Amino acid sequence: MSGPASLLRSAQAQFHKQALFHKKASMRHLAIPACTAAAVVLSTLSFAQEGHHGAGHDDWHEGFYSKLIRKDTKTSCCNLSDCRPTLSRMVGDHYEVMVDGEWLPVPKEAIQNVSAPDGGTHVCAPRQSGRNKGTIYCVVLPPET
């Protein structure tokens, strides 16, 4: 009797070994797409937080950006792609915001007296190239803490 029982135990052991191997291989195959997806999400968030032109605009246009008015011209801050989430900091006596990956000083007249729905910083500015370099239309700063 030990022959068939031994054969059965050997077959079960082999089955469990193969099942464990396939489970580990399957987990390795899932890890690659999961890591790739995480890298894409993190790079997209980083891109948006550096105030790159057009990044994050669609999420906020209808309910927020479309209502912002420039103080100097009394026209909209946004032309359907100029506004986006960004970072801000205080430097000496003025604010700076990240626009297209560079820190720019914020003109006092560009500061909007409103808070963003997410409590963050937002900037409306054209793509920073040529004659538009350094131009900022509107800035929404986070509430002071």
N, C-alpha and C. Protein backbone atom coordinates (compact mmCIF):
# COMPACT_ATOMS: atom_id res chain seq x y z
N MET A 1 0.81 -1.19 0.00
CA MET A 1 0.00 0.00 0.00
C MET A 1 0.85 1.26 0.00
N SER A 2 2.08 1.12 0.48
CA SER A 2 2.88 2.32 0.55
C SER A 2 3.25 2.82 -0.84
N GLY A 3 3.23 1.99 -1.82
CA GLY A 3 3.54 2.42 -3.19
C GLY A 3 2.54 3.43 -3.71
N PRO A 4 1.20 3.12 -3.74
CA PRO A 4 0.24 4.11 -4.24
C PRO A 4 0.15 5.34 -3.34
N ALA A 5 0.24 5.17 -2.03
CA ALA A 5 0.16 6.31 -1.10
C ALA A 5 1.36 7.23 -1.30
N SER A 6 2.53 6.62 -1.47
CA SER A 6 3.75 7.39 -1.68
C SER A 6 3.66 8.14 -3.02
N LEU A 7 3.14 7.47 -4.03
CA LEU A 7 2.97 8.08 -5.33
C LEU A 7 1.99 9.24 -5.26
N LEU A 8 0.90 9.07 -4.52
CA LEU A 8 -0.10 10.13 -4.35
C LEU A 8 0.51 11.33 -3.64
N ARG A 9 1.27 11.08 -2.54
CA ARG A 9 1.92 12.19 -1.81
C ARG A 9 2.91 12.92 -2.71
N SER A 10 3.64 12.19 -3.50
CA SER A 10 4.61 12.79 -4.42
C SER A 10 3.90 13.65 -5.46
N ALA A 11 2.80 13.16 -5.99
CA ALA A 11 2.03 13.91 -6.99
C ALA A 11 1.45 15.17 -6.37
N GLN A 12 0.94 15.07 -5.12
CA GLN A 12 0.38 16.24 -4.44
C GLN A 12 1.47 17.28 -4.18
N ALA A 13 2.64 16.82 -3.77
CA ALA A 13 3.76 17.72 -3.50
C ALA A 13 4.17 18.44 -4.78
N GLN A 14 4.23 17.68 -5.87
CA GLN A 14 4.59 18.26 -7.17
C GLN A 14 3.54 19.29 -7.60
N PHE A 15 2.26 18.97 -7.40
CA PHE A 15 1.18 19.88 -7.76
C PHE A 15 1.29 21.19 -6.97
N HIS A 16 1.52 21.09 -5.65
CA HIS A 16 1.63 22.28 -4.81
C HIS A 16 2.86 23.12 -5.19
N LYS A 17 3.94 22.43 -5.55
CA LYS A 17 5.16 23.13 -5.95
C LYS A 17 4.90 23.92 -7.24
N GLN A 18 4.22 23.29 -8.22
CA GLN A 18 3.91 23.98 -9.47
C GLN A 18 2.92 25.13 -9.24
N ALA A 19 1.93 24.90 -8.37
CA ALA A 19 0.96 25.95 -8.09
C ALA A 19 1.65 27.16 -7.46
N LEU A 20 2.58 26.93 -6.54
CA LEU A 20 3.32 28.00 -5.89
C LEU A 20 4.18 28.73 -6.92
N PHE A 21 4.83 27.98 -7.81
CA PHE A 21 5.66 28.59 -8.85
C PHE A 21 4.81 29.50 -9.73
N HIS A 22 3.65 29.04 -10.17
CA HIS A 22 2.78 29.84 -11.04
C HIS A 22 2.24 31.07 -10.31
N LYS A 23 1.97 30.92 -9.03
CA LYS A 23 1.48 32.05 -8.24
C LYS A 23 2.56 33.14 -8.16
N LYS A 24 3.81 32.71 -7.87
CA LYS A 24 4.91 33.67 -7.81
C LYS A 24 5.16 34.32 -9.16
N ALA A 25 5.12 33.52 -10.23
CA ALA A 25 5.33 34.06 -11.57
C ALA A 25 4.22 35.05 -11.92
N SER A 26 3.01 34.72 -11.55
CA SER A 26 1.88 35.60 -11.81
C SER A 26 2.04 36.93 -11.07
N MET A 27 2.50 36.86 -9.82
CA MET A 27 2.72 38.08 -9.03
C MET A 27 3.82 38.94 -9.67
N ARG A 28 4.86 38.29 -10.20
CA ARG A 28 5.92 39.04 -10.86
C ARG A 28 5.39 39.74 -12.10
N HIS A 29 4.53 39.06 -12.85
CA HIS A 29 3.97 39.67 -14.05
C HIS A 29 3.03 40.82 -13.70
N LEU A 30 2.37 40.77 -12.57
CA LEU A 30 1.51 41.87 -12.14
C LEU A 30 2.32 43.05 -11.63
N ALA A 31 3.48 42.80 -11.08
CA ALA A 31 4.30 43.85 -10.51
C ALA A 31 4.78 44.82 -11.59
N ILE A 32 5.11 44.32 -12.76
CA ILE A 32 5.61 45.18 -13.83
C ILE A 32 4.56 46.20 -14.26
N PRO A 33 3.32 45.80 -14.62
CA PRO A 33 2.33 46.81 -14.98
C PRO A 33 1.98 47.74 -13.83
N ALA A 34 1.97 47.23 -12.61
CA ALA A 34 1.64 48.07 -11.45
C ALA A 34 2.71 49.15 -11.26
N CYS A 35 3.97 48.79 -11.39
CA CYS A 35 5.05 49.77 -11.25
C CYS A 35 5.02 50.79 -12.39
N THR A 36 4.73 50.32 -13.59
CA THR A 36 4.63 51.22 -14.74
C THR A 36 3.50 52.22 -14.53
N ALA A 37 2.35 51.75 -14.09
CA ALA A 37 1.22 52.64 -13.84
C ALA A 37 1.55 53.66 -12.77
N ALA A 38 2.21 53.24 -11.71
CA ALA A 38 2.59 54.16 -10.63
C ALA A 38 3.55 55.23 -11.15
N ALA A 39 4.50 54.84 -11.99
CA ALA A 39 5.45 55.80 -12.54
C ALA A 39 4.74 56.83 -13.41
N VAL A 40 3.78 56.39 -14.22
CA VAL A 40 3.03 57.32 -15.08
C VAL A 40 2.23 58.30 -14.23
N VAL A 41 1.55 57.80 -13.21
CA VAL A 41 0.74 58.67 -12.35
C VAL A 41 1.63 59.68 -11.64
N LEU A 42 2.74 59.23 -11.07
CA LEU A 42 3.62 60.15 -10.35
C LEU A 42 4.25 61.18 -11.27
N SER A 43 4.64 60.78 -12.47
CA SER A 43 5.22 61.76 -13.39
C SER A 43 4.18 62.76 -13.86
N THR A 44 2.93 62.32 -14.02
CA THR A 44 1.86 63.23 -14.41
C THR A 44 1.59 64.23 -13.30
N LEU A 45 1.56 63.77 -12.05
CA LEU A 45 1.35 64.68 -10.92
C LEU A 45 2.49 65.68 -10.83
N SER A 46 3.71 65.23 -11.01
CA SER A 46 4.85 66.12 -10.96
C SER A 46 4.76 67.15 -12.06
N PHE A 47 4.40 66.74 -13.27
CA PHE A 47 4.26 67.63 -14.41
C PHE A 47 3.23 68.70 -14.11
N ALA A 48 2.08 68.31 -13.55
CA ALA A 48 1.02 69.26 -13.22
C ALA A 48 1.47 70.21 -12.13
N GLN A 49 2.17 69.72 -11.12
CA GLN A 49 2.57 70.59 -10.02
C GLN A 49 3.67 71.56 -10.40
N GLU A 50 4.30 71.37 -11.54
CA GLU A 50 5.29 72.32 -12.01
C GLU A 50 4.66 73.38 -12.89
N GLY A 51 3.33 73.43 -12.92
CA GLY A 51 2.62 74.48 -13.63
C GLY A 51 2.80 74.47 -15.13
N HIS A 52 2.90 73.29 -15.72
CA HIS A 52 3.08 73.21 -17.17
C HIS A 52 1.79 73.55 -17.90
N HIS A 53 1.92 74.29 -18.97
CA HIS A 53 0.79 74.79 -19.75
C HIS A 53 -0.16 73.66 -20.13
N GLY A 54 -1.42 73.79 -19.78
CA GLY A 54 -2.45 72.82 -20.12
C GLY A 54 -2.63 71.68 -19.13
N ALA A 55 -1.65 71.44 -18.27
CA ALA A 55 -1.72 70.31 -17.33
C ALA A 55 -2.76 70.58 -16.26
N GLY A 56 -3.76 69.70 -16.16
CA GLY A 56 -4.79 69.82 -15.14
C GLY A 56 -5.88 70.83 -15.45
N HIS A 57 -5.80 71.49 -16.59
CA HIS A 57 -6.77 72.54 -16.93
C HIS A 57 -8.19 72.03 -17.04
N ASP A 58 -8.39 70.93 -17.74
CA ASP A 58 -9.75 70.42 -17.99
C ASP A 58 -10.50 70.09 -16.70
N ASP A 59 -9.77 69.68 -15.67
CA ASP A 59 -10.40 69.32 -14.40
C ASP A 59 -11.05 70.52 -13.71
N TRP A 60 -10.52 71.71 -13.96
CA TRP A 60 -10.94 72.89 -13.21
C TRP A 60 -11.63 73.97 -14.06
N HIS A 61 -11.61 73.87 -15.37
CA HIS A 61 -12.08 74.97 -16.21
C HIS A 61 -13.53 75.37 -15.94
N GLU A 62 -14.43 74.44 -16.12
CA GLU A 62 -15.87 74.76 -16.06
C GLU A 62 -16.29 75.35 -14.72
N GLY A 63 -15.87 74.74 -13.63
CA GLY A 63 -16.35 75.16 -12.32
C GLY A 63 -15.52 76.24 -11.65
N PHE A 64 -14.31 76.53 -12.16
CA PHE A 64 -13.45 77.46 -11.43
C PHE A 64 -12.73 78.46 -12.35
N TYR A 65 -11.87 77.99 -13.25
CA TYR A 65 -11.08 78.90 -14.07
C TYR A 65 -11.94 79.83 -14.92
N SER A 66 -13.04 79.33 -15.43
CA SER A 66 -13.88 80.15 -16.31
C SER A 66 -14.49 81.36 -15.59
N LYS A 67 -14.45 81.36 -14.27
CA LYS A 67 -15.04 82.45 -13.48
C LYS A 67 -14.00 83.48 -13.02
N LEU A 68 -12.73 83.22 -13.24
CA LEU A 68 -11.68 84.15 -12.81
C LEU A 68 -11.55 85.31 -13.80
N ILE A 69 -11.50 86.54 -13.26
CA ILE A 69 -11.43 87.75 -14.09
C ILE A 69 -10.14 88.50 -13.76
N ARG A 70 -9.42 88.90 -14.81
CA ARG A 70 -8.19 89.68 -14.64
C ARG A 70 -8.53 91.06 -14.09
N LYS A 71 -7.75 91.54 -13.14
CA LYS A 71 -7.96 92.87 -12.55
C LYS A 71 -7.56 93.98 -13.51
N ASP A 72 -6.55 93.75 -14.35
CA ASP A 72 -6.06 94.80 -15.23
C ASP A 72 -6.91 95.02 -16.47
N THR A 73 -7.49 93.97 -17.02
CA THR A 73 -8.26 94.11 -18.27
C THR A 73 -9.75 93.84 -18.11
N LYS A 74 -10.14 93.33 -16.94
CA LYS A 74 -11.54 92.95 -16.67
C LYS A 74 -12.03 91.88 -17.65
N THR A 75 -11.11 91.07 -18.17
CA THR A 75 -11.45 89.95 -19.05
C THR A 75 -11.09 88.65 -18.33
N SER A 76 -11.46 87.55 -18.93
CA SER A 76 -11.20 86.24 -18.33
C SER A 76 -9.71 85.98 -18.18
N CYS A 77 -9.35 85.33 -17.10
CA CYS A 77 -7.96 84.90 -16.89
C CYS A 77 -7.59 83.75 -17.83
N CYS A 78 -8.60 83.08 -18.32
CA CYS A 78 -8.39 81.81 -19.01
C CYS A 78 -8.88 81.85 -20.45
N ASN A 79 -8.07 81.32 -21.36
CA ASN A 79 -8.49 81.20 -22.75
C ASN A 79 -8.61 79.74 -23.15
N LEU A 80 -9.12 78.94 -22.26
CA LEU A 80 -9.37 77.50 -22.46
C LEU A 80 -8.14 76.61 -22.28
N SER A 81 -6.97 77.17 -21.96
CA SER A 81 -5.83 76.31 -21.66
C SER A 81 -4.78 76.97 -20.79
N ASP A 82 -4.94 78.23 -20.45
CA ASP A 82 -3.89 78.97 -19.73
C ASP A 82 -3.78 78.66 -18.25
N CYS A 83 -4.83 78.17 -17.61
CA CYS A 83 -4.82 77.98 -16.16
C CYS A 83 -4.48 76.54 -15.80
N ARG A 84 -3.78 76.38 -14.68
CA ARG A 84 -3.41 75.05 -14.22
C ARG A 84 -2.98 75.09 -12.75
N PRO A 85 -3.04 73.93 -12.07
CA PRO A 85 -2.53 73.86 -10.70
C PRO A 85 -1.02 74.01 -10.71
N THR A 86 -0.48 74.54 -9.62
CA THR A 86 0.97 74.73 -9.54
C THR A 86 1.42 74.80 -8.09
N LEU A 87 2.64 75.23 -7.88
CA LEU A 87 3.22 75.41 -6.55
C LEU A 87 3.46 76.90 -6.32
N SER A 88 3.49 77.32 -5.06
CA SER A 88 3.81 78.72 -4.75
C SER A 88 4.75 78.76 -3.56
N ARG A 89 5.41 79.89 -3.43
CA ARG A 89 6.29 80.12 -2.28
C ARG A 89 6.41 81.62 -2.06
N MET A 90 6.75 81.98 -0.84
CA MET A 90 6.99 83.36 -0.48
C MET A 90 8.50 83.60 -0.50
N VAL A 91 8.94 84.62 -1.22
CA VAL A 91 10.36 84.95 -1.30
C VAL A 91 10.49 86.43 -0.95
N GLY A 92 11.05 86.70 0.21
CA GLY A 92 11.16 88.10 0.65
C GLY A 92 9.77 88.70 0.84
N ASP A 93 9.48 89.73 0.04
CA ASP A 93 8.20 90.43 0.17
C ASP A 93 7.20 90.10 -0.95
N HIS A 94 7.48 89.05 -1.72
CA HIS A 94 6.57 88.71 -2.82
C HIS A 94 6.40 87.20 -2.96
N TYR A 95 5.36 86.82 -3.68
CA TYR A 95 5.11 85.41 -3.98
C TYR A 95 5.76 85.04 -5.30
N GLU A 96 6.09 83.78 -5.42
CA GLU A 96 6.52 83.20 -6.69
C GLU A 96 5.69 81.96 -6.94
N VAL A 97 5.43 81.68 -8.22
CA VAL A 97 4.72 80.46 -8.60
C VAL A 97 5.54 79.72 -9.66
N MET A 98 5.35 78.42 -9.69
CA MET A 98 6.01 77.59 -10.68
C MET A 98 5.19 77.64 -11.97
N VAL A 99 5.82 78.09 -13.05
CA VAL A 99 5.16 78.18 -14.35
C VAL A 99 6.05 77.50 -15.39
N ASP A 100 5.53 76.46 -16.00
CA ASP A 100 6.30 75.68 -16.99
C ASP A 100 7.66 75.25 -16.44
N GLY A 101 7.66 74.86 -15.16
CA GLY A 101 8.87 74.32 -14.55
C GLY A 101 9.84 75.36 -14.00
N GLU A 102 9.49 76.66 -14.05
CA GLU A 102 10.37 77.71 -13.54
C GLU A 102 9.63 78.59 -12.54
N TRP A 103 10.34 79.08 -11.53
CA TRP A 103 9.75 79.98 -10.55
C TRP A 103 9.69 81.38 -11.14
N LEU A 104 8.49 81.99 -11.09
CA LEU A 104 8.30 83.36 -11.58
C LEU A 104 7.71 84.22 -10.47
N PRO A 105 8.12 85.51 -10.39
CA PRO A 105 7.51 86.40 -9.41
C PRO A 105 6.07 86.71 -9.80
N VAL A 106 5.21 86.82 -8.80
CA VAL A 106 3.79 87.09 -9.06
C VAL A 106 3.52 88.59 -8.92
N PRO A 107 3.03 89.23 -9.99
CA PRO A 107 2.65 90.64 -9.86
C PRO A 107 1.47 90.76 -8.89
N LYS A 108 1.48 91.77 -8.03
CA LYS A 108 0.41 91.93 -7.05
C LYS A 108 -0.96 91.99 -7.70
N GLU A 109 -1.07 92.62 -8.85
CA GLU A 109 -2.36 92.75 -9.53
C GLU A 109 -2.87 91.42 -10.11
N ALA A 110 -1.99 90.41 -10.17
CA ALA A 110 -2.42 89.10 -10.70
C ALA A 110 -3.07 88.23 -9.61
N ILE A 111 -2.88 88.60 -8.36
CA ILE A 111 -3.40 87.77 -7.27
C ILE A 111 -4.91 87.93 -7.16
N GLN A 112 -5.62 86.81 -7.25
CA GLN A 112 -7.07 86.78 -7.12
C GLN A 112 -7.44 86.65 -5.64
N ASN A 113 -8.48 87.31 -5.23
CA ASN A 113 -8.92 87.25 -3.84
C ASN A 113 -9.97 86.17 -3.64
N VAL A 114 -9.65 84.96 -4.08
CA VAL A 114 -10.53 83.80 -3.93
C VAL A 114 -9.68 82.60 -3.54
N SER A 115 -10.32 81.57 -3.05
CA SER A 115 -9.64 80.30 -2.76
C SER A 115 -10.08 79.27 -3.78
N ALA A 116 -9.17 78.43 -4.17
CA ALA A 116 -9.49 77.35 -5.10
C ALA A 116 -10.27 76.26 -4.35
N PRO A 117 -11.14 75.53 -5.05
CA PRO A 117 -11.89 74.45 -4.41
C PRO A 117 -11.01 73.41 -3.72
N ASP A 118 -9.80 73.22 -4.23
CA ASP A 118 -8.90 72.23 -3.62
C ASP A 118 -7.97 72.85 -2.58
N GLY A 119 -8.07 74.16 -2.38
CA GLY A 119 -7.23 74.84 -1.41
C GLY A 119 -5.79 75.04 -1.87
N GLY A 120 -5.51 74.74 -3.13
CA GLY A 120 -4.14 74.83 -3.64
C GLY A 120 -3.87 76.08 -4.44
N THR A 121 -2.67 76.14 -5.00
CA THR A 121 -2.25 77.26 -5.85
C THR A 121 -2.59 76.95 -7.29
N HIS A 122 -3.06 77.97 -8.00
CA HIS A 122 -3.36 77.85 -9.43
C HIS A 122 -2.82 79.09 -10.13
N VAL A 123 -2.37 78.91 -11.36
CA VAL A 123 -1.84 80.03 -12.15
C VAL A 123 -2.48 80.03 -13.52
N CYS A 124 -2.74 81.23 -14.04
CA CYS A 124 -3.19 81.40 -15.41
C CYS A 124 -2.11 82.22 -16.11
N ALA A 125 -1.47 81.61 -17.08
CA ALA A 125 -0.37 82.26 -17.78
C ALA A 125 -0.21 81.58 -19.14
N PRO A 126 0.24 82.33 -20.15
CA PRO A 126 0.46 81.69 -21.45
C PRO A 126 1.70 80.79 -21.38
N ARG A 127 1.86 79.98 -22.41
CA ARG A 127 3.07 79.15 -22.51
C ARG A 127 4.26 80.11 -22.45
N GLN A 128 5.24 79.78 -21.64
CA GLN A 128 6.37 80.68 -21.38
C GLN A 128 7.45 80.56 -22.45
N SER A 129 7.22 81.24 -23.57
CA SER A 129 8.20 81.28 -24.64
C SER A 129 8.09 82.61 -25.37
N GLY A 130 9.17 83.03 -25.98
CA GLY A 130 9.18 84.28 -26.74
C GLY A 130 8.73 85.47 -25.92
N ARG A 131 7.85 86.28 -26.49
CA ARG A 131 7.42 87.51 -25.82
C ARG A 131 6.55 87.24 -24.59
N ASN A 132 6.06 86.01 -24.43
CA ASN A 132 5.24 85.65 -23.26
C ASN A 132 6.07 85.25 -22.04
N LYS A 133 7.38 85.17 -22.19
CA LYS A 133 8.25 84.76 -21.08
C LYS A 133 8.04 85.72 -19.91
N GLY A 134 7.66 85.16 -18.75
CA GLY A 134 7.46 85.96 -17.55
C GLY A 134 6.05 86.52 -17.39
N THR A 135 5.15 86.27 -18.35
CA THR A 135 3.79 86.80 -18.28
C THR A 135 2.91 85.92 -17.40
N ILE A 136 2.22 86.55 -16.47
CA ILE A 136 1.24 85.86 -15.60
C ILE A 136 -0.03 86.68 -15.61
N TYR A 137 -1.16 86.03 -15.91
CA TYR A 137 -2.46 86.72 -15.92
C TYR A 137 -3.09 86.74 -14.53
N CYS A 138 -3.21 85.58 -13.92
CA CYS A 138 -3.89 85.46 -12.63
C CYS A 138 -3.23 84.37 -11.79
N VAL A 139 -3.29 84.57 -10.46
CA VAL A 139 -2.77 83.57 -9.53
C VAL A 139 -3.79 83.44 -8.39
N VAL A 140 -4.10 82.20 -8.04
CA VAL A 140 -4.90 81.91 -6.86
C VAL A 140 -3.98 81.23 -5.87
N LEU A 141 -3.84 81.86 -4.73
CA LEU A 141 -2.95 81.33 -3.68
C LEU A 141 -3.75 80.54 -2.67
N PRO A 142 -3.09 79.59 -1.99
CA PRO A 142 -3.82 78.83 -0.95
C PRO A 142 -4.15 79.75 0.23
N PRO A 143 -5.17 79.39 0.98
CA PRO A 143 -5.49 80.20 2.17
C PRO A 143 -4.29 80.19 3.13
N GLU A 144 -4.10 81.31 3.79
CA GLU A 144 -2.99 81.42 4.76
C GLU A 144 -3.26 80.50 5.95
N THR A 145 -2.23 79.85 6.43
CA THR A 145 -2.41 78.96 7.58
C THR A 145 -1.82 79.56 8.82
